[in-house]
Amino acid sequence: MAVPKKKTAKAKKNMRRSHHALTAVGLVTCEKCGAPRRPHRVCLSCGDYNGKQVITEQAE
C-alpha cells in the first residue's frame, strides 16, 4: 500500500486547494420583464431570449 514519506505542509496543501473555491452565479436582468436570469439563457418567467419569444405558455 502506498504511504507518503513526508507530511504535507499546511501551506502546500492550501496552495493546492487555492482553485477549489466556489464562485457566485452571475445574474442579469431580463430586458422584457426585469426578472433575474442567467446570461445566454431563456428567461424562465416570460420565455424571452434575445428579443424573441421562445417559450410560449401552455394552457392547463
PDB file of N, CA and C in Angstrom:
ATOM      1  N   MET A   1       0.842  -1.178   0.000  1.00  0.00           N
ATOM      2  CA  MET A   1       0.000   0.000   0.000  1.00  0.00           C
ATOM      3  C   MET A   1       0.891   1.246   0.000  1.00  0.00           C
ATOM      4  N   ALA A   2       0.538   2.253  -0.780  1.00  0.00           N
ATOM      5  CA  ALA A   2       1.350   3.459  -0.890  1.00  0.00           C
ATOM      6  C   ALA A   2       1.170   4.332   0.342  1.00  0.00           C
ATOM      7  N   VAL A   3       2.297   4.746   0.906  1.00  0.00           N
ATOM      8  CA  VAL A   3       2.289   5.596   2.093  1.00  0.00           C
ATOM      9  C   VAL A   3       3.188   6.788   1.814  1.00  0.00           C
ATOM     10  N   PRO A   4       2.745   8.029   2.106  1.00  0.00           N
ATOM     11  CA  PRO A   4       3.603   9.180   1.866  1.00  0.00           C
ATOM     12  C   PRO A   4       4.839   9.156   2.777  1.00  0.00           C
ATOM     13  N   LYS A   5       5.982   9.581   2.222  1.00  0.00           N
ATOM     14  CA  LYS A   5       7.228   9.567   3.005  1.00  0.00           C
ATOM     15  C   LYS A   5       7.296  10.737   3.977  1.00  0.00           C
ATOM     16  N   LYS A   6       6.684  11.881   3.597  1.00  0.00           N
ATOM     17  CA  LYS A   6       6.746  13.063   4.460  1.00  0.00           C
ATOM     18  C   LYS A   6       5.361  13.671   4.596  1.00  0.00           C
ATOM     19  N   LYS A   7       5.173  14.392   5.686  1.00  0.00           N
ATOM     20  CA  LYS A   7       3.901  15.070   5.940  1.00  0.00           C
ATOM     21  C   LYS A   7       3.767  16.254   4.988  1.00  0.00           C
ATOM     22  N   THR A   8       2.582  16.443   4.436  1.00  0.00           N
ATOM     23  CA  THR A   8       2.317  17.589   3.575  1.00  0.00           C
ATOM     24  C   THR A   8       2.076  18.811   4.447  1.00  0.00           C
ATOM     25  N   ALA A   9       2.825  19.868   4.202  1.00  0.00           N
ATOM     26  CA  ALA A   9       2.708  21.086   4.999  1.00  0.00           C
ATOM     27  C   ALA A   9       1.371  21.770   4.723  1.00  0.00           C
ATOM     28  N   LYS A  10       0.896  22.540   5.711  1.00  0.00           N
ATOM     29  CA  LYS A  10      -0.390  23.246   5.565  1.00  0.00           C
ATOM     30  C   LYS A  10      -0.344  24.227   4.397  1.00  0.00           C
ATOM     31  N   ALA A  11       0.787  24.900   4.227  1.00  0.00           N
ATOM     32  CA  ALA A  11       0.916  25.872   3.140  1.00  0.00           C
ATOM     33  C   ALA A  11       0.829  25.186   1.781  1.00  0.00           C
ATOM     34  N   LYS A  12       1.488  24.044   1.646  1.00  0.00           N
ATOM     35  CA  LYS A  12       1.467  23.315   0.378  1.00  0.00           C
ATOM     36  C   LYS A  12       0.060  22.789   0.082  1.00  0.00           C
ATOM     37  N   LYS A  13      -0.609  22.287   1.125  1.00  0.00           N
ATOM     38  CA  LYS A  13      -1.970  21.770   0.973  1.00  0.00           C
ATOM     39  C   LYS A  13      -2.927  22.893   0.564  1.00  0.00           C
ATOM     40  N   ASN A  14      -2.778  24.065   1.196  1.00  0.00           N
ATOM     41  CA  ASN A  14      -3.669  25.185   0.879  1.00  0.00           C
ATOM     42  C   ASN A  14      -3.377  25.776  -0.492  1.00  0.00           C
ATOM     43  N   MET A  15      -2.110  25.727  -0.936  1.00  0.00           N
ATOM     44  CA  MET A  15      -1.789  26.183  -2.293  1.00  0.00           C
ATOM     45  C   MET A  15      -2.446  25.285  -3.335  1.00  0.00           C
ATOM     46  N   ARG A  16      -2.471  23.997  -3.069  1.00  0.00           N
ATOM     47  CA  ARG A  16      -3.095  23.059  -3.991  1.00  0.00           C
ATOM     48  C   ARG A  16      -4.600  23.295  -4.068  1.00  0.00           C
ATOM     49  N   ARG A  17      -5.204  23.672  -2.953  1.00  0.00           N
ATOM     50  CA  ARG A  17      -6.655  23.877  -2.893  1.00  0.00           C
ATOM     51  C   ARG A  17      -7.079  25.308  -3.232  1.00  0.00           C
ATOM     52  N   SER A  18      -6.171  26.123  -3.724  1.00  0.00           N
ATOM     53  CA  SER A  18      -6.493  27.530  -3.968  1.00  0.00           C
ATOM     54  C   SER A  18      -7.539  27.720  -5.066  1.00  0.00           C
ATOM     55  N   HIS A  19      -7.700  26.746  -5.961  1.00  0.00           N
ATOM     56  CA  HIS A  19      -8.660  26.868  -7.057  1.00  0.00           C
ATOM     57  C   HIS A  19      -9.967  26.144  -6.767  1.00  0.00           C
ATOM     58  N   HIS A  20     -10.155  25.679  -5.540  1.00  0.00           N
ATOM     59  CA  HIS A  20     -11.355  24.917  -5.214  1.00  0.00           C
ATOM     60  C   HIS A  20     -12.510  25.775  -4.724  1.00  0.00           C
ATOM     61  N   ALA A  21     -12.332  27.078  -4.628  1.00  0.00           N
ATOM     62  CA  ALA A  21     -13.367  27.957  -4.091  1.00  0.00           C
ATOM     63  C   ALA A  21     -14.554  28.033  -5.046  1.00  0.00           C
ATOM     64  N   LEU A  22     -15.750  28.157  -4.499  1.00  0.00           N
ATOM     65  CA  LEU A  22     -16.958  28.304  -5.300  1.00  0.00           C
ATOM     66  C   LEU A  22     -17.133  29.758  -5.685  1.00  0.00           C
ATOM     67  N   THR A  23     -17.651  29.988  -6.878  1.00  0.00           N
ATOM     68  CA  THR A  23     -17.914  31.346  -7.341  1.00  0.00           C
ATOM     69  C   THR A  23     -19.415  31.557  -7.434  1.00  0.00           C
ATOM     70  N   ALA A  24     -19.829  32.778  -7.210  1.00  0.00           N
ATOM     71  CA  ALA A  24     -21.250  33.104  -7.272  1.00  0.00           C
ATOM     72  C   ALA A  24     -21.726  33.103  -8.721  1.00  0.00           C
ATOM     73  N   VAL A  25     -22.975  32.725  -8.927  1.00  0.00           N
ATOM     74  CA  VAL A  25     -23.557  32.694 -10.260  1.00  0.00           C
ATOM     75  C   VAL A  25     -23.862  34.126 -10.691  1.00  0.00           C
ATOM     76  N   GLY A  26     -23.393  34.499 -11.876  1.00  0.00           N
ATOM     77  CA  GLY A  26     -23.665  35.825 -12.395  1.00  0.00           C
ATOM     78  C   GLY A  26     -25.083  35.905 -12.927  1.00  0.00           C
ATOM     79  N   LEU A  27     -25.808  36.936 -12.537  1.00  0.00           N
ATOM     80  CA  LEU A  27     -27.183  37.113 -12.995  1.00  0.00           C
ATOM     81  C   LEU A  27     -27.316  38.446 -13.711  1.00  0.00           C
ATOM     82  N   VAL A  28     -28.168  38.474 -14.704  1.00  0.00           N
ATOM     83  CA  VAL A  28     -28.516  39.705 -15.399  1.00  0.00           C
ATOM     84  C   VAL A  28     -30.030  39.846 -15.335  1.00  0.00           C
ATOM     85  N   THR A  29     -30.524  41.050 -15.601  1.00  0.00           N
ATOM     86  CA  THR A  29     -31.965  41.255 -15.586  1.00  0.00           C
ATOM     87  C   THR A  29     -32.515  41.116 -16.999  1.00  0.00           C
ATOM     88  N   CYS A  30     -33.680  40.538 -17.100  1.00  0.00           N
ATOM     89  CA  CYS A  30     -34.358  40.382 -18.385  1.00  0.00           C
ATOM     90  C   CYS A  30     -34.813  41.758 -18.870  1.00  0.00           C
ATOM     91  N   GLU A  31     -34.592  42.053 -20.150  1.00  0.00           N
ATOM     92  CA  GLU A  31     -34.996  43.357 -20.688  1.00  0.00           C
ATOM     93  C   GLU A  31     -36.505  43.486 -20.785  1.00  0.00           C
ATOM     94  N   LYS A  32     -37.194  42.368 -20.956  1.00  0.00           N
ATOM     95  CA  LYS A  32     -38.639  42.411 -21.156  1.00  0.00           C
ATOM     96  C   LYS A  32     -39.414  42.510 -19.840  1.00  0.00           C
ATOM     97  N   CYS A  33     -39.098  41.613 -18.878  1.00  0.00           N
ATOM     98  CA  CYS A  33     -39.884  41.580 -17.643  1.00  0.00           C
ATOM     99  C   CYS A  33     -39.111  42.038 -16.411  1.00  0.00           C
ATOM    100  N   GLY A  34     -37.781  42.147 -16.501  1.00  0.00           N
ATOM    101  CA  GLY A  34     -36.986  42.617 -15.377  1.00  0.00           C
ATOM    102  C   GLY A  34     -36.635  41.551 -14.356  1.00  0.00           C
ATOM    103  N   ALA A  35     -36.973  40.299 -14.622  1.00  0.00           N
ATOM    104  CA  ALA A  35     -36.670  39.214 -13.694  1.00  0.00           C
ATOM    105  C   ALA A  35     -35.198  38.826 -13.815  1.00  0.00           C
ATOM    106  N   PRO A  36     -34.574  38.378 -12.730  1.00  0.00           N
ATOM    107  CA  PRO A  36     -33.179  37.929 -12.836  1.00  0.00           C
ATOM    108  C   PRO A  36     -33.090  36.606 -13.586  1.00  0.00           C
ATOM    109  N   ARG A  37     -32.089  36.495 -14.456  1.00  0.00           N
ATOM    110  CA  ARG A  37     -31.892  35.269 -15.220  1.00  0.00           C
ATOM    111  C   ARG A  37     -30.408  35.085 -15.440  1.00  0.00           C
ATOM    112  N   ARG A  38     -29.996  33.863 -15.812  1.00  0.00           N
ATOM    113  CA  ARG A  38     -28.594  33.590 -16.109  1.00  0.00           C
ATOM    114  C   ARG A  38     -28.276  34.084 -17.514  1.00  0.00           C
ATOM    115  N   PRO A  39     -27.070  34.574 -17.746  1.00  0.00           N
ATOM    116  CA  PRO A  39     -26.744  35.095 -19.074  1.00  0.00           C
ATOM    117  C   PRO A  39     -26.744  34.005 -20.149  1.00  0.00           C
ATOM    118  N   HIS A  40     -27.146  34.371 -21.349  1.00  0.00           N
ATOM    119  CA  HIS A  40     -27.192  33.498 -22.525  1.00  0.00           C
ATOM    120  C   HIS A  40     -28.182  32.348 -22.346  1.00  0.00           C
ATOM    121  N   ARG A  41     -29.241  32.573 -21.574  1.00  0.00           N
ATOM    122  CA  ARG A  41     -30.265  31.551 -21.377  1.00  0.00           C
ATOM    123  C   ARG A  41     -31.642  32.195 -21.464  1.00  0.00           C
ATOM    124  N   VAL A  42     -32.642  31.383 -21.707  1.00  0.00           N
ATOM    125  CA  VAL A  42     -34.009  31.856 -21.837  1.00  0.00           C
ATOM    126  C   VAL A  42     -34.515  32.305 -20.473  1.00  0.00           C
ATOM    127  N   CYS A  43     -35.244  33.394 -20.436  1.00  0.00           N
ATOM    128  CA  CYS A  43     -35.872  33.871 -19.204  1.00  0.00           C
ATOM    129  C   CYS A  43     -37.010  32.907 -18.859  1.00  0.00           C
ATOM    130  N   LEU A  44     -36.971  32.361 -17.652  1.00  0.00           N
ATOM    131  CA  LEU A  44     -37.977  31.373 -17.272  1.00  0.00           C
ATOM    132  C   LEU A  44     -39.320  31.998 -16.923  1.00  0.00           C
ATOM    133  N   SER A  45     -39.342  33.292 -16.605  1.00  0.00           N
ATOM    134  CA  SER A  45     -40.612  33.905 -16.228  1.00  0.00           C
ATOM    135  C   SER A  45     -41.428  34.359 -17.446  1.00  0.00           C
ATOM    136  N   CYS A  46     -40.746  34.875 -18.483  1.00  0.00           N
ATOM    137  CA  CYS A  46     -41.508  35.348 -19.647  1.00  0.00           C
ATOM    138  C   CYS A  46     -41.217  34.548 -20.921  1.00  0.00           C
ATOM    139  N   GLY A  47     -40.174  33.738 -20.951  1.00  0.00           N
ATOM    140  CA  GLY A  47     -39.866  32.919 -22.127  1.00  0.00           C
ATOM    141  C   GLY A  47     -39.191  33.667 -23.252  1.00  0.00           C
ATOM    142  N   ASP A  48     -38.587  34.804 -22.958  1.00  0.00           N
ATOM    143  CA  ASP A  48     -37.970  35.636 -23.976  1.00  0.00           C
ATOM    144  C   ASP A  48     -36.471  35.362 -24.048  1.00  0.00           C
ATOM    145  N   TYR A  49     -35.907  35.344 -25.252  1.00  0.00           N
ATOM    146  CA  TYR A  49     -34.461  35.212 -25.435  1.00  0.00           C
ATOM    147  C   TYR A  49     -34.040  36.026 -26.642  1.00  0.00           C
ATOM    148  N   ASN A  50     -33.122  36.948 -26.439  1.00  0.00           N
ATOM    149  CA  ASN A  50     -32.556  37.770 -27.500  1.00  0.00           C
ATOM    150  C   ASN A  50     -33.644  38.539 -28.258  1.00  0.00           C
ATOM    151  N   GLY A  51     -34.629  39.031 -27.531  1.00  0.00           N
ATOM    152  CA  GLY A  51     -35.699  39.820 -28.128  1.00  0.00           C
ATOM    153  C   GLY A  51     -36.764  39.010 -28.834  1.00  0.00           C
ATOM    154  N   LYS A  52     -36.726  37.691 -28.723  1.00  0.00           N
ATOM    155  CA  LYS A  52     -37.709  36.828 -29.379  1.00  0.00           C
ATOM    156  C   LYS A  52     -38.430  35.968 -28.343  1.00  0.00           C
ATOM    157  N   GLN A  53     -39.700  35.713 -28.587  1.00  0.00           N
ATOM    158  CA  GLN A  53     -40.487  34.839 -27.724  1.00  0.00           C
ATOM    159  C   GLN A  53     -40.171  33.399 -28.103  1.00  0.00           C
ATOM    160  N   VAL A  54     -39.466  32.688 -27.197  1.00  0.00           N
ATOM    161  CA  VAL A  54     -39.012  31.339 -27.482  1.00  0.00           C
ATOM    162  C   VAL A  54     -39.951  30.304 -26.858  1.00  0.00           C
ATOM    163  N   ILE A  55     -40.360  30.539 -25.622  1.00  0.00           N
ATOM    164  CA  ILE A  55     -41.242  29.622 -24.908  1.00  0.00           C
ATOM    165  C   ILE A  55     -42.615  30.267 -24.777  1.00  0.00           C
ATOM    166  N   THR A  56     -43.627  29.537 -25.177  1.00  0.00           N
ATOM    167  CA  THR A  56     -44.997  30.043 -25.010  1.00  0.00           C
ATOM    168  C   THR A  56     -45.647  29.328 -23.835  1.00  0.00           C
ATOM    169  N   GLU A  57     -46.538  30.029 -23.151  1.00  0.00           N
ATOM    170  CA  GLU A  57     -47.234  29.429 -22.011  1.00  0.00           C
ATOM    171  C   GLU A  57     -48.271  28.429 -22.506  1.00  0.00           C
ATOM    172  N   GLN A  58     -48.328  27.293 -21.809  1.00  0.00           N
ATOM    173  CA  GLN A  58     -49.295  26.273 -22.181  1.00  0.00           C
ATOM    174  C   GLN A  58     -50.521  26.380 -21.289  1.00  0.00           C
ATOM    175  N   ALA A  59     -51.707  26.274 -21.877  1.00  0.00           N
ATOM    176  CA  ALA A  59     -52.951  26.304 -21.116  1.00  0.00           C
ATOM    177  C   ALA A  59     -53.141  24.959 -20.416  1.00  0.00           C
ATOM    178  N   GLU A  60     -53.416  25.021 -19.114  1.00  0.00           N
ATOM    179  CA  GLU A  60     -53.604  23.787 -18.352  1.00  0.00           C
ATOM    180  C   GLU A  60     -55.030  23.684 -17.854  1.00  0.00           C
TER     181      GLU A  60
END
